[in-house]
Amino acid sequence: MLLFKRSSVIAVALLFVIFIAFTGCKKEGTAERLGKKIDKAVEKAGEKLDNLKEDK
């Protein structure tokens, strides 16, 4: 009986890990999209500053 309980716990834990792995692969949320927009804006600002330095 102890072996059955241990196997059940391991099976449930494995299913939980698989569930978490698949839910982590969802479409990106609003925070991720906002972060990417901020990254692009900072990158563009840096490029413009570099261009200003080159013009001097």
C-alpha atoms as a PDB file:
ATOM      1  CA  MET A   1       0.000   0.000   0.000  1.00  0.00           C
ATOM      2  CA  LEU A   2       2.879   2.346   0.771  1.00  0.00           C
ATOM      3  CA  LEU A   3       4.293   1.802  -2.716  1.00  0.00           C
ATOM      4  CA  PHE A   4       0.923   2.711  -4.242  1.00  0.00           C
ATOM      5  CA  LYS A   5       0.743   5.964  -2.261  1.00  0.00           C
ATOM      6  CA  ARG A   6       4.296   6.882  -3.194  1.00  0.00           C
ATOM      7  CA  SER A   7       3.612   6.162  -6.882  1.00  0.00           C
ATOM      8  CA  SER A   8       0.450   8.241  -6.744  1.00  0.00           C
ATOM      9  CA  VAL A   9       2.285  11.197  -5.230  1.00  0.00           C
ATOM     10  CA  ILE A  10       5.015  10.963  -7.862  1.00  0.00           C
ATOM     11  CA  ALA A  11       2.437  10.758 -10.664  1.00  0.00           C
ATOM     12  CA  VAL A  12       0.531  13.785  -9.371  1.00  0.00           C
ATOM     13  CA  ALA A  13       3.774  15.764  -8.983  1.00  0.00           C
ATOM     14  CA  LEU A  14       4.821  14.859 -12.523  1.00  0.00           C
ATOM     15  CA  LEU A  15       1.452  15.914 -13.934  1.00  0.00           C
ATOM     16  CA  PHE A  16       1.708  19.189 -12.016  1.00  0.00           C
ATOM     17  CA  VAL A  17       5.158  19.907 -13.467  1.00  0.00           C
ATOM     18  CA  ILE A  18       3.927  19.143 -16.995  1.00  0.00           C
ATOM     19  CA  PHE A  19       0.894  21.395 -16.470  1.00  0.00           C
ATOM     20  CA  ILE A  20       3.078  24.274 -15.262  1.00  0.00           C
ATOM     21  CA  ALA A  21       5.456  23.816 -18.209  1.00  0.00           C
ATOM     22  CA  PHE A  22       2.652  24.025 -20.754  1.00  0.00           C
ATOM     23  CA  THR A  23       0.925  26.993 -19.144  1.00  0.00           C
ATOM     24  CA  GLY A  24       4.230  28.844 -19.175  1.00  0.00           C
ATOM     25  CA  CYS A  25       4.284  28.574 -22.982  1.00  0.00           C
ATOM     26  CA  LYS A  26       1.194  30.724 -23.439  1.00  0.00           C
ATOM     27  CA  LYS A  27       0.991  33.804 -25.584  1.00  0.00           C
ATOM     28  CA  GLU A  28       2.925  36.698 -24.081  1.00  0.00           C
ATOM     29  CA  GLY A  29       0.962  38.966 -21.799  1.00  0.00           C
ATOM     30  CA  THR A  30       0.654  42.708 -21.515  1.00  0.00           C
ATOM     31  CA  ALA A  31       3.702  43.061 -19.271  1.00  0.00           C
ATOM     32  CA  GLU A  32       5.919  41.293 -21.786  1.00  0.00           C
ATOM     33  CA  ARG A  33       4.618  43.408 -24.670  1.00  0.00           C
ATOM     34  CA  LEU A  34       5.079  46.585 -22.664  1.00  0.00           C
ATOM     35  CA  GLY A  35       8.609  45.537 -21.754  1.00  0.00           C
ATOM     36  CA  LYS A  36       9.475  44.956 -25.405  1.00  0.00           C
ATOM     37  CA  LYS A  37       8.091  48.378 -26.353  1.00  0.00           C
ATOM     38  CA  ILE A  38      10.168  50.009 -23.624  1.00  0.00           C
ATOM     39  CA  ASP A  39      13.269  48.147 -24.807  1.00  0.00           C
ATOM     40  CA  LYS A  40      12.728  49.353 -28.373  1.00  0.00           C
ATOM     41  CA  ALA A  41      12.169  52.936 -27.227  1.00  0.00           C
ATOM     42  CA  VAL A  42      15.359  52.925 -25.145  1.00  0.00           C
ATOM     43  CA  GLU A  43      17.303  51.402 -28.020  1.00  0.00           C
ATOM     44  CA  LYS A  44      16.054  54.072 -30.440  1.00  0.00           C
ATOM     45  CA  ALA A  45      16.902  56.831 -27.964  1.00  0.00           C
ATOM     46  CA  GLY A  46      20.409  55.408 -27.590  1.00  0.00           C
ATOM     47  CA  GLU A  47      20.861  55.321 -31.358  1.00  0.00           C
ATOM     48  CA  LYS A  48      19.770  58.950 -31.634  1.00  0.00           C
ATOM     49  CA  LEU A  49      22.235  59.953 -28.921  1.00  0.00           C
ATOM     50  CA  ASP A  50      24.992  58.104 -30.758  1.00  0.00           C
ATOM     51  CA  ASN A  51      24.074  59.952 -33.951  1.00  0.00           C
ATOM     52  CA  LEU A  52      24.223  63.283 -32.127  1.00  0.00           C
ATOM     53  CA  LYS A  53      27.692  62.449 -30.777  1.00  0.00           C
ATOM     54  CA  GLU A  54      28.906  61.555 -34.282  1.00  0.00           C
ATOM     55  CA  ASP A  55      27.584  64.819 -35.729  1.00  0.00           C
ATOM     56  CA  LYS A  56      29.690  66.954 -33.358  1.00  0.00           C
END
